[in-house]
Amino acid sequence: MTRDLTLQRCFNHAQREAVARCPSCAQYFCRECITEHDDRIICAACLKKLSSTSFLKSRGFAWALRVGHCLLGFLAAWFLFYMFGDQILLRLPSSFHEGTLWSSDSE
């Protein structure tokens, strides 16, 4: 037995006429109690449950992704400093390494 939508009242506001039915919980709601999410109409309570479960599922993966990005950044910085730093140090004159580059005794 299907009930006519025009005769239904909002689950949260009994004085308001229902305009939609939530596909998740099958309750009727007014315009203020529903929202559109992923191209479907859903109530606020079901949207909250949906977002909290997807957040909990993605937390572990997001943490691993952040750690991976940090390690990759560290390795890239170490590699660049190692490669270019070595070349720069080799091109410096030996007087710089000995500390006599700016001394007045080098005449």
C-alpha atoms as a PDB file:
ATOM      1  CA  MET A   1       0.000   0.000   0.000  1.00  0.00           C
ATOM      2  CA  THR A   2       1.611   3.272  -1.117  1.00  0.00           C
ATOM      3  CA  ARG A   3       0.648   6.481   0.542  1.00  0.00           C
ATOM      4  CA  ASP A   4       0.013   9.611  -1.482  1.00  0.00           C
ATOM      5  CA  LEU A   5       2.776  12.241  -1.005  1.00  0.00           C
ATOM      6  CA  THR A   6       0.238  15.076  -0.914  1.00  0.00           C
ATOM      7  CA  LEU A   7      -1.297  13.642   2.257  1.00  0.00           C
ATOM      8  CA  GLN A   8       2.004  13.188   4.096  1.00  0.00           C
ATOM      9  CA  ARG A   9       3.487  15.511   6.722  1.00  0.00           C
ATOM     10  CA  CYS A  10       7.136  16.208   7.508  1.00  0.00           C
ATOM     11  CA  PHE A  11       8.748  13.767   9.929  1.00  0.00           C
ATOM     12  CA  ASN A  12      10.393  16.648  11.852  1.00  0.00           C
ATOM     13  CA  HIS A  13       7.668  19.305  11.447  1.00  0.00           C
ATOM     14  CA  ALA A  14       4.167  17.852  11.767  1.00  0.00           C
ATOM     15  CA  GLN A  15       2.512  21.108  10.684  1.00  0.00           C
ATOM     16  CA  ARG A  16       4.337  21.188   7.308  1.00  0.00           C
ATOM     17  CA  GLU A  17       3.465  19.333   4.144  1.00  0.00           C
ATOM     18  CA  ALA A  18       6.016  16.771   2.965  1.00  0.00           C
ATOM     19  CA  VAL A  19       7.637  17.344  -0.418  1.00  0.00           C
ATOM     20  CA  ALA A  20      10.015  14.383  -0.655  1.00  0.00           C
ATOM     21  CA  ARG A  21      10.752  10.972   0.758  1.00  0.00           C
ATOM     22  CA  CYS A  22      14.281  10.051   1.811  1.00  0.00           C
ATOM     23  CA  PRO A  23      15.411   6.929  -0.060  1.00  0.00           C
ATOM     24  CA  SER A  24      17.607   5.802   2.855  1.00  0.00           C
ATOM     25  CA  CYS A  25      15.217   5.941   5.803  1.00  0.00           C
ATOM     26  CA  ALA A  26      11.918   6.074   3.842  1.00  0.00           C
ATOM     27  CA  GLN A  27      10.589   8.996   5.922  1.00  0.00           C
ATOM     28  CA  TYR A  28       8.787  12.016   4.472  1.00  0.00           C
ATOM     29  CA  PHE A  29      10.275  15.517   4.871  1.00  0.00           C
ATOM     30  CA  CYS A  30       9.536  19.166   4.098  1.00  0.00           C
ATOM     31  CA  ARG A  31      11.759  21.405   1.933  1.00  0.00           C
ATOM     32  CA  GLU A  32      13.882  22.547   4.870  1.00  0.00           C
ATOM     33  CA  CYS A  33      14.693  19.028   6.072  1.00  0.00           C
ATOM     34  CA  ILE A  34      16.053  17.586   2.841  1.00  0.00           C
ATOM     35  CA  THR A  35      19.128  18.296   0.751  1.00  0.00           C
ATOM     36  CA  GLU A  36      20.637  17.130  -2.515  1.00  0.00           C
ATOM     37  CA  HIS A  37      23.737  14.949  -2.289  1.00  0.00           C
ATOM     38  CA  ASP A  38      25.311  13.033  -5.193  1.00  0.00           C
ATOM     39  CA  ASP A  39      22.325  13.826  -7.432  1.00  0.00           C
ATOM     40  CA  ARG A  40      19.745  12.457  -5.016  1.00  0.00           C
ATOM     41  CA  ILE A  41      17.511  13.903  -2.326  1.00  0.00           C
ATOM     42  CA  ILE A  42      18.398  12.791   1.202  1.00  0.00           C
ATOM     43  CA  CYS A  43      17.453  13.874   4.739  1.00  0.00           C
ATOM     44  CA  ALA A  44      19.917  15.538   7.097  1.00  0.00           C
ATOM     45  CA  ALA A  45      20.135  12.555   9.466  1.00  0.00           C
ATOM     46  CA  CYS A  46      20.968  10.104   6.652  1.00  0.00           C
ATOM     47  CA  LEU A  47      23.458  12.581   5.184  1.00  0.00           C
ATOM     48  CA  LYS A  48      25.169  12.829   8.567  1.00  0.00           C
ATOM     49  CA  LYS A  49      25.393   9.029   8.829  1.00  0.00           C
ATOM     50  CA  LEU A  50      26.670   8.790   5.274  1.00  0.00           C
ATOM     51  CA  SER A  51      29.362  11.433   5.752  1.00  0.00           C
ATOM     52  CA  SER A  52      30.554  10.062   9.107  1.00  0.00           C
ATOM     53  CA  THR A  53      30.978   6.524   7.779  1.00  0.00           C
ATOM     54  CA  SER A  54      32.803   7.677   4.656  1.00  0.00           C
ATOM     55  CA  PHE A  55      35.050   9.889   6.811  1.00  0.00           C
ATOM     56  CA  LEU A  56      35.946   6.968   9.074  1.00  0.00           C
ATOM     57  CA  LYS A  57      36.704   4.745   6.100  1.00  0.00           C
ATOM     58  CA  SER A  58      38.963   7.307   4.467  1.00  0.00           C
ATOM     59  CA  ARG A  59      40.889   8.322   7.619  1.00  0.00           C
ATOM     60  CA  GLY A  60      43.305   5.386   7.511  1.00  0.00           C
ATOM     61  CA  PHE A  61      44.096   5.852   3.857  1.00  0.00           C
ATOM     62  CA  ALA A  62      44.503   9.623   4.219  1.00  0.00           C
ATOM     63  CA  TRP A  63      46.982   9.143   7.074  1.00  0.00           C
ATOM     64  CA  ALA A  64      49.055   6.703   5.016  1.00  0.00           C
ATOM     65  CA  LEU A  65      48.920   9.064   2.045  1.00  0.00           C
ATOM     66  CA  ARG A  66      50.191  11.973   4.146  1.00  0.00           C
ATOM     67  CA  VAL A  67      53.062   9.910   5.526  1.00  0.00           C
ATOM     68  CA  GLY A  68      53.922   8.766   2.021  1.00  0.00           C
ATOM     69  CA  HIS A  69      53.949  12.352   0.743  1.00  0.00           C
ATOM     70  CA  CYS A  70      56.214  13.448   3.597  1.00  0.00           C
ATOM     71  CA  LEU A  71      58.663  10.619   2.959  1.00  0.00           C
ATOM     72  CA  LEU A  72      58.667  11.282  -0.768  1.00  0.00           C
ATOM     73  CA  GLY A  73      59.297  14.996  -0.165  1.00  0.00           C
ATOM     74  CA  PHE A  74      62.115  14.253   2.236  1.00  0.00           C
ATOM     75  CA  LEU A  75      63.753  11.837  -0.202  1.00  0.00           C
ATOM     76  CA  ALA A  76      63.427  14.293  -3.093  1.00  0.00           C
ATOM     77  CA  ALA A  77      64.973  17.116  -1.026  1.00  0.00           C
ATOM     78  CA  TRP A  78      67.794  14.843   0.173  1.00  0.00           C
ATOM     79  CA  PHE A  79      68.523  13.688  -3.378  1.00  0.00           C
ATOM     80  CA  LEU A  80      68.589  17.240  -4.768  1.00  0.00           C
ATOM     81  CA  PHE A  81      70.827  18.548  -1.982  1.00  0.00           C
ATOM     82  CA  TYR A  82      73.120  15.551  -2.343  1.00  0.00           C
ATOM     83  CA  MET A  83      73.450  15.885  -6.119  1.00  0.00           C
ATOM     84  CA  PHE A  84      73.711  19.666  -6.391  1.00  0.00           C
ATOM     85  CA  GLY A  85      75.466  20.234  -3.081  1.00  0.00           C
ATOM     86  CA  ASP A  86      78.237  17.855  -4.035  1.00  0.00           C
ATOM     87  CA  GLN A  87      78.740  19.627  -7.369  1.00  0.00           C
ATOM     88  CA  ILE A  88      78.796  23.068  -5.746  1.00  0.00           C
ATOM     89  CA  LEU A  89      81.301  22.015  -3.083  1.00  0.00           C
ATOM     90  CA  LEU A  90      83.596  20.511  -5.714  1.00  0.00           C
ATOM     91  CA  ARG A  91      83.597  23.760  -7.707  1.00  0.00           C
ATOM     92  CA  LEU A  92      84.632  25.920  -4.750  1.00  0.00           C
ATOM     93  CA  PRO A  93      88.338  26.802  -4.616  1.00  0.00           C
ATOM     94  CA  SER A  94      90.493  24.943  -2.123  1.00  0.00           C
ATOM     95  CA  SER A  95      91.289  28.246  -0.365  1.00  0.00           C
ATOM     96  CA  PHE A  96      87.610  28.396   0.655  1.00  0.00           C
ATOM     97  CA  HIS A  97      87.790  24.949   2.271  1.00  0.00           C
ATOM     98  CA  GLU A  98      91.049  25.804   4.035  1.00  0.00           C
ATOM     99  CA  GLY A  99      89.622  29.075   5.357  1.00  0.00           C
ATOM    100  CA  THR A 100      92.258  31.283   3.679  1.00  0.00           C
ATOM    101  CA  LEU A 101      89.989  32.800   1.021  1.00  0.00           C
ATOM    102  CA  TRP A 102      89.300  36.032   2.921  1.00  0.00           C
ATOM    103  CA  SER A 103      92.427  36.263   5.005  1.00  0.00           C
ATOM    104  CA  SER A 104      94.958  39.011   4.284  1.00  0.00           C
ATOM    105  CA  ASP A 105      97.824  36.512   4.361  1.00  0.00           C
ATOM    106  CA  SER A 106      96.988  35.124   0.920  1.00  0.00           C
ATOM    107  CA  GLU A 107      99.159  37.752  -0.868  1.00  0.00           C
END
